[in-house]
Amino acid sequence: MKSKKTAVKMVAIPESELESLKATIETLENKYVMEHLAKSDQDIKHGRVRPARAFLKELQ
């Protein structure tokens, strides 16, 4: 039986890009955040939105 040799590939990216990728992975792994993002997408889809100015006025 022949064994397959797996080629190891490496890439170099700036540290800031690595940190951004880590943050993205953390977000995607966070069930609470992902559920709220899905809910907000549904709110937008169904027109349950208001202008930012109106929202900010409510906060005053």
Protein backbone atom coordinates (compact mmCIF):
# COMPACT_ATOMS: atom_id res chain seq x y z
CA MET A 1 0.00 0.00 0.00
CA LYS A 2 1.40 3.35 -1.01
CA SER A 3 1.17 6.21 1.43
CA LYS A 4 0.16 9.61 0.16
CA LYS A 5 2.46 12.47 0.92
CA THR A 6 0.56 15.54 1.94
CA ALA A 7 2.01 18.78 0.68
CA VAL A 8 2.20 21.44 3.35
CA LYS A 9 1.47 24.90 2.05
CA MET A 10 2.13 28.05 3.98
CA VAL A 11 1.09 31.60 3.37
CA ALA A 12 2.17 34.85 4.95
CA ILE A 13 -0.37 37.48 5.90
CA PRO A 14 -0.05 40.69 7.90
CA GLU A 15 -0.66 40.31 11.63
CA SER A 16 -3.60 42.72 11.42
CA GLU A 17 -5.26 40.44 8.86
CA LEU A 18 -4.67 37.44 11.12
CA GLU A 19 -6.34 39.25 14.02
CA SER A 20 -9.28 40.12 11.77
CA LEU A 21 -9.64 36.46 10.74
CA LYS A 22 -9.53 35.37 14.39
CA ALA A 23 -12.29 37.87 15.25
CA THR A 24 -14.39 36.60 12.36
CA ILE A 25 -14.00 33.01 13.52
CA GLU A 26 -14.95 34.01 17.08
CA THR A 27 -18.09 35.70 15.77
CA LEU A 28 -19.06 32.72 13.61
CA GLU A 29 -18.58 30.37 16.58
CA ASN A 30 -20.70 32.51 18.92
CA LYS A 31 -24.22 31.04 18.78
CA TYR A 32 -25.78 34.03 20.59
CA VAL A 33 -24.32 36.56 18.14
CA MET A 34 -25.21 34.46 15.10
CA GLU A 35 -28.83 34.06 16.27
CA HIS A 36 -29.16 37.81 16.70
CA LEU A 37 -27.60 38.48 13.30
CA ALA A 38 -30.12 36.10 11.73
CA LYS A 39 -32.97 37.85 13.57
CA SER A 40 -31.78 41.25 12.40
CA ASP A 41 -31.64 39.95 8.81
CA GLN A 42 -35.27 38.85 9.15
CA ASP A 43 -36.24 42.24 10.62
CA ILE A 44 -34.69 43.97 7.62
CA LYS A 45 -36.33 41.53 5.19
CA HIS A 46 -39.77 42.18 6.73
CA GLY A 47 -39.35 45.96 6.91
CA ARG A 48 -39.08 46.14 10.70
CA VAL A 49 -36.57 48.98 10.55
CA ARG A 50 -36.51 52.72 11.16
CA PRO A 51 -34.13 55.52 10.24
CA ALA A 52 -31.14 55.95 12.57
CA ARG A 53 -32.17 59.56 13.28
CA ALA A 54 -35.56 58.39 14.55
CA PHE A 55 -33.91 55.79 16.79
CA LEU A 56 -31.42 58.30 18.19
CA LYS A 57 -34.25 60.75 18.87
CA GLU A 58 -36.01 58.05 20.93
CA LEU A 59 -32.91 57.72 23.09
CA GLN A 60 -32.95 61.38 24.11
